[in-house]
């Protein structure tokens, strides 16, 4: 059953998914936003993420722990991962 609300509202809701990680980065001068994006692109492979970001895998694991525990992103949930990737894609489109 289709839900009510405009497409713009739905897009805005999806984009808000990244709000927590973006705010954390601003406050702590960290790179969680980039780490999360690479996590989604690399299907969760810490080795691939560390190679792409030129970081030690322990650094990546530490960042992922913050994302999962402190920011409470459930990265084991496929729907959450899909919504996060959609939010990143919307963010890219808005920058163009």
N, C-alpha and C. Protein backbone atom coordinates (compact mmCIF):
# COMPACT_ATOMS: atom_id res chain seq x y z
N UNK A 1 0.84 -1.17 0.00
CA UNK A 1 0.00 0.00 0.00
C UNK A 1 0.89 1.24 0.00
N UNK A 2 0.73 2.14 -0.97
CA UNK A 2 1.54 3.34 -1.02
C UNK A 2 1.27 4.24 0.17
N UNK A 3 2.32 4.83 0.67
CA UNK A 3 2.15 5.74 1.80
C UNK A 3 1.96 7.16 1.30
N UNK A 4 1.36 7.99 2.15
CA UNK A 4 1.13 9.37 1.76
C UNK A 4 2.41 10.17 1.93
N UNK A 5 2.47 11.30 1.27
CA UNK A 5 3.64 12.16 1.35
C UNK A 5 4.27 12.29 -0.02
N UNK A 6 4.87 13.44 -0.26
CA UNK A 6 5.47 13.68 -1.57
C UNK A 6 6.80 12.96 -1.69
N UNK A 7 7.26 12.84 -2.90
CA UNK A 7 8.56 12.23 -3.16
C UNK A 7 9.65 13.07 -2.50
N UNK A 8 9.51 14.39 -2.53
CA UNK A 8 10.50 15.27 -1.89
C UNK A 8 10.59 15.00 -0.39
N UNK A 9 9.44 14.77 0.24
CA UNK A 9 9.43 14.46 1.68
C UNK A 9 10.14 13.14 1.94
N UNK A 10 9.87 12.15 1.11
CA UNK A 10 10.51 10.85 1.28
C UNK A 10 12.02 10.96 1.07
N UNK A 11 12.43 11.73 0.08
CA UNK A 11 13.86 11.93 -0.17
C UNK A 11 14.51 12.64 1.01
N UNK A 12 13.81 13.61 1.57
CA UNK A 12 14.33 14.32 2.73
C UNK A 12 14.48 13.38 3.93
N UNK A 13 13.49 12.51 4.12
CA UNK A 13 13.56 11.54 5.22
C UNK A 13 14.76 10.61 5.05
N UNK A 14 14.99 10.16 3.82
CA UNK A 14 16.12 9.28 3.56
C UNK A 14 17.43 10.02 3.81
N UNK A 15 17.52 11.26 3.35
CA UNK A 15 18.75 12.04 3.53
C UNK A 15 19.05 12.27 5.00
N UNK A 16 18.01 12.37 5.83
CA UNK A 16 18.21 12.58 7.26
C UNK A 16 18.86 11.38 7.93
N UNK A 17 18.85 10.23 7.26
CA UNK A 17 19.50 9.04 7.79
C UNK A 17 20.98 9.30 8.10
N UNK A 18 21.60 10.20 7.34
CA UNK A 18 23.02 10.48 7.52
C UNK A 18 23.29 11.56 8.56
N UNK A 19 22.25 12.16 9.07
CA UNK A 19 22.42 13.29 10.00
C UNK A 19 23.31 12.99 11.18
N UNK A 20 23.14 11.84 11.80
CA UNK A 20 23.92 11.50 12.99
C UNK A 20 25.41 11.38 12.71
N UNK A 21 25.74 10.72 11.62
CA UNK A 21 27.15 10.51 11.30
C UNK A 21 27.80 11.82 10.83
N UNK A 22 27.07 12.65 10.12
CA UNK A 22 27.60 13.94 9.68
C UNK A 22 27.85 14.85 10.88
N UNK A 23 26.91 14.89 11.81
CA UNK A 23 27.08 15.70 13.01
C UNK A 23 28.25 15.21 13.86
N UNK A 24 28.38 13.89 13.97
CA UNK A 24 29.50 13.33 14.73
C UNK A 24 30.82 13.77 14.12
N UNK A 25 30.92 13.72 12.80
CA UNK A 25 32.14 14.15 12.11
C UNK A 25 32.45 15.62 12.38
N UNK A 26 31.42 16.46 12.34
CA UNK A 26 31.63 17.89 12.59
C UNK A 26 32.13 18.13 14.01
N UNK A 27 31.54 17.44 14.96
CA UNK A 27 31.88 17.63 16.36
C UNK A 27 33.26 17.07 16.71
N UNK A 28 33.57 15.90 16.17
CA UNK A 28 34.80 15.20 16.55
C UNK A 28 35.90 15.25 15.49
N UNK A 29 35.66 15.97 14.40
CA UNK A 29 36.64 16.07 13.31
C UNK A 29 37.11 14.68 12.88
N UNK A 30 36.14 13.81 12.64
CA UNK A 30 36.45 12.44 12.27
C UNK A 30 36.07 12.18 10.81
N UNK A 31 36.20 10.94 10.39
CA UNK A 31 35.91 10.56 9.00
C UNK A 31 34.89 9.44 8.94
N UNK A 32 33.90 9.48 9.83
CA UNK A 32 32.91 8.41 9.86
C UNK A 32 32.02 8.42 8.62
N UNK A 33 31.72 9.60 8.09
CA UNK A 33 30.87 9.68 6.91
C UNK A 33 31.51 8.95 5.74
N UNK A 34 32.78 9.20 5.52
CA UNK A 34 33.50 8.53 4.43
C UNK A 34 33.64 7.04 4.71
N UNK A 35 33.91 6.70 5.96
CA UNK A 35 34.07 5.28 6.33
C UNK A 35 32.76 4.52 6.10
N UNK A 36 31.65 5.10 6.51
CA UNK A 36 30.37 4.44 6.32
C UNK A 36 30.06 4.26 4.83
N UNK A 37 30.36 5.27 4.04
CA UNK A 37 30.12 5.17 2.59
C UNK A 37 30.96 4.06 1.98
N UNK A 38 32.22 4.00 2.35
CA UNK A 38 33.07 2.92 1.83
C UNK A 38 32.59 1.56 2.33
N UNK A 39 32.11 1.50 3.55
CA UNK A 39 31.56 0.26 4.10
C UNK A 39 30.42 -0.24 3.21
N UNK A 40 29.55 0.66 2.84
CA UNK A 40 28.41 0.29 2.01
C UNK A 40 28.87 -0.11 0.60
N UNK A 41 29.82 0.62 0.05
CA UNK A 41 30.31 0.31 -1.30
C UNK A 41 31.10 -1.00 -1.33
N UNK A 42 31.80 -1.31 -0.26
CA UNK A 42 32.67 -2.50 -0.21
C UNK A 42 31.97 -3.70 0.42
N UNK A 43 30.68 -3.63 0.59
CA UNK A 43 29.90 -4.73 1.18
C UNK A 43 30.43 -5.15 2.54
N UNK A 44 30.94 -4.20 3.29
CA UNK A 44 31.37 -4.47 4.65
C UNK A 44 32.76 -5.06 4.79
N UNK A 45 33.50 -5.20 3.71
CA UNK A 45 34.84 -5.77 3.78
C UNK A 45 35.83 -4.76 4.37
N UNK A 46 36.25 -5.02 5.59
CA UNK A 46 37.18 -4.11 6.28
C UNK A 46 38.50 -4.02 5.51
N UNK A 47 38.94 -5.12 4.95
CA UNK A 47 40.19 -5.12 4.18
C UNK A 47 40.08 -4.17 2.98
N UNK A 48 38.99 -4.27 2.23
CA UNK A 48 38.82 -3.39 1.07
C UNK A 48 38.67 -1.93 1.48
N UNK A 49 37.95 -1.70 2.56
CA UNK A 49 37.77 -0.32 3.04
C UNK A 49 39.13 0.26 3.42
N UNK A 50 39.92 -0.49 4.16
CA UNK A 50 41.22 0.02 4.61
C UNK A 50 42.14 0.28 3.42
N UNK A 51 42.07 -0.55 2.39
CA UNK A 51 42.88 -0.32 1.20
C UNK A 51 42.44 0.94 0.47
N UNK A 52 41.13 1.14 0.32
CA UNK A 52 40.61 2.31 -0.39
C UNK A 52 40.87 3.61 0.38
N UNK A 53 40.82 3.53 1.72
CA UNK A 53 40.96 4.74 2.52
C UNK A 53 42.39 4.94 3.03
N UNK A 54 43.28 4.01 2.70
CA UNK A 54 44.67 4.08 3.15
C UNK A 54 44.76 4.20 4.67
N UNK A 55 43.98 3.36 5.35
CA UNK A 55 43.95 3.30 6.81
C UNK A 55 44.19 1.88 7.27
N UNK A 56 44.73 1.73 8.45
CA UNK A 56 44.89 0.40 9.03
C UNK A 56 43.51 -0.17 9.33
N UNK A 57 43.38 -1.47 9.20
CA UNK A 57 42.07 -2.09 9.43
C UNK A 57 41.57 -1.90 10.86
N UNK A 58 42.48 -1.76 11.82
CA UNK A 58 42.04 -1.50 13.20
C UNK A 58 41.36 -0.14 13.31
N UNK A 59 41.84 0.82 12.54
CA UNK A 59 41.22 2.15 12.50
C UNK A 59 39.80 2.04 11.93
N UNK A 60 39.67 1.27 10.86
CA UNK A 60 38.36 1.07 10.25
C UNK A 60 37.42 0.37 11.23
N UNK A 61 37.91 -0.67 11.90
CA UNK A 61 37.09 -1.37 12.89
C UNK A 61 36.66 -0.45 14.02
N UNK A 62 37.55 0.43 14.46
CA UNK A 62 37.23 1.39 15.52
C UNK A 62 36.11 2.32 15.04
N UNK A 63 36.24 2.85 13.83
CA UNK A 63 35.22 3.75 13.29
C UNK A 63 33.88 3.04 13.14
N UNK A 64 33.91 1.81 12.67
CA UNK A 64 32.68 1.05 12.50
C UNK A 64 32.01 0.77 13.84
N UNK A 65 32.81 0.55 14.86
CA UNK A 65 32.26 0.34 16.20
C UNK A 65 31.53 1.59 16.68
N UNK A 66 32.09 2.76 16.42
CA UNK A 66 31.44 4.01 16.79
C UNK A 66 30.12 4.15 16.03
N UNK A 67 30.16 3.87 14.73
CA UNK A 67 28.96 3.96 13.91
C UNK A 67 27.87 3.03 14.43
N UNK A 68 28.25 1.82 14.76
CA UNK A 68 27.27 0.82 15.20
C UNK A 68 26.79 1.05 16.62
N UNK A 69 27.71 1.34 17.54
CA UNK A 69 27.36 1.42 18.96
C UNK A 69 26.91 2.80 19.40
N UNK A 70 27.72 3.81 19.13
CA UNK A 70 27.38 5.15 19.62
C UNK A 70 26.29 5.81 18.79
N UNK A 71 26.34 5.62 17.48
CA UNK A 71 25.34 6.24 16.61
C UNK A 71 24.16 5.32 16.35
N UNK A 72 24.28 4.08 16.78
CA UNK A 72 23.20 3.08 16.72
C UNK A 72 22.70 2.82 15.31
N UNK A 73 23.62 2.71 14.36
CA UNK A 73 23.27 2.28 13.00
C UNK A 73 23.33 0.76 12.99
N UNK A 74 22.24 0.12 12.55
CA UNK A 74 22.18 -1.34 12.49
C UNK A 74 22.65 -1.79 11.10
N UNK A 75 23.95 -1.93 10.95
CA UNK A 75 24.51 -2.27 9.65
C UNK A 75 24.31 -3.73 9.27
N UNK A 76 23.79 -4.53 10.18
CA UNK A 76 23.47 -5.92 9.85
C UNK A 76 22.13 -6.02 9.13
N UNK A 77 21.36 -4.94 9.14
CA UNK A 77 20.03 -4.91 8.52
C UNK A 77 20.15 -4.42 7.08
N UNK A 78 19.77 -5.26 6.12
CA UNK A 78 19.89 -4.93 4.70
C UNK A 78 19.08 -3.68 4.33
N UNK A 79 17.91 -3.53 4.93
CA UNK A 79 17.08 -2.36 4.62
C UNK A 79 17.75 -1.07 5.10
N UNK A 80 18.37 -1.11 6.26
CA UNK A 80 19.10 0.06 6.77
C UNK A 80 20.25 0.39 5.83
N UNK A 81 21.00 -0.62 5.41
CA UNK A 81 22.11 -0.38 4.48
C UNK A 81 21.61 0.22 3.16
N UNK A 82 20.48 -0.29 2.67
CA UNK A 82 19.90 0.25 1.44
C UNK A 82 19.52 1.72 1.62
N UNK A 83 18.86 2.04 2.73
CA UNK A 83 18.45 3.43 2.98
C UNK A 83 19.66 4.35 3.12
N UNK A 84 20.70 3.86 3.76
CA UNK A 84 21.91 4.67 3.90
C UNK A 84 22.56 4.93 2.55
N UNK A 85 22.63 3.89 1.71
CA UNK A 85 23.22 4.08 0.38
C UNK A 85 22.37 5.03 -0.44
N UNK A 86 21.05 4.92 -0.34
CA UNK A 86 20.16 5.86 -1.04
C UNK A 86 20.41 7.28 -0.55
N UNK A 87 20.63 7.45 0.74
CA UNK A 87 20.91 8.77 1.30
C UNK A 87 22.21 9.34 0.74
N UNK A 88 23.23 8.50 0.62
CA UNK A 88 24.49 8.96 0.04
C UNK A 88 24.30 9.36 -1.42
N UNK A 89 23.54 8.58 -2.17
CA UNK A 89 23.29 8.90 -3.58
C UNK A 89 22.52 10.19 -3.71
N UNK A 90 21.52 10.41 -2.87
CA UNK A 90 20.78 11.67 -2.88
C UNK A 90 21.70 12.84 -2.55
N UNK A 91 22.58 12.62 -1.63
CA UNK A 91 23.54 13.67 -1.24
C UNK A 91 24.43 14.02 -2.43
N UNK A 92 24.87 13.01 -3.17
CA UNK A 92 25.69 13.26 -4.36
C UNK A 92 24.92 14.06 -5.41
N UNK A 93 23.66 13.68 -5.62
CA UNK A 93 22.83 14.36 -6.61
C UNK A 93 22.64 15.83 -6.23
N UNK A 94 22.43 16.09 -4.97
CA UNK A 94 22.21 17.46 -4.50
C UNK A 94 23.47 18.32 -4.65
N UNK A 95 24.64 17.71 -4.62
CA UNK A 95 25.89 18.45 -4.77
C UNK A 95 26.15 18.86 -6.21
N UNK A 96 25.55 18.14 -7.14
CA UNK A 96 25.79 18.41 -8.58
C UNK A 96 25.07 19.63 -9.04
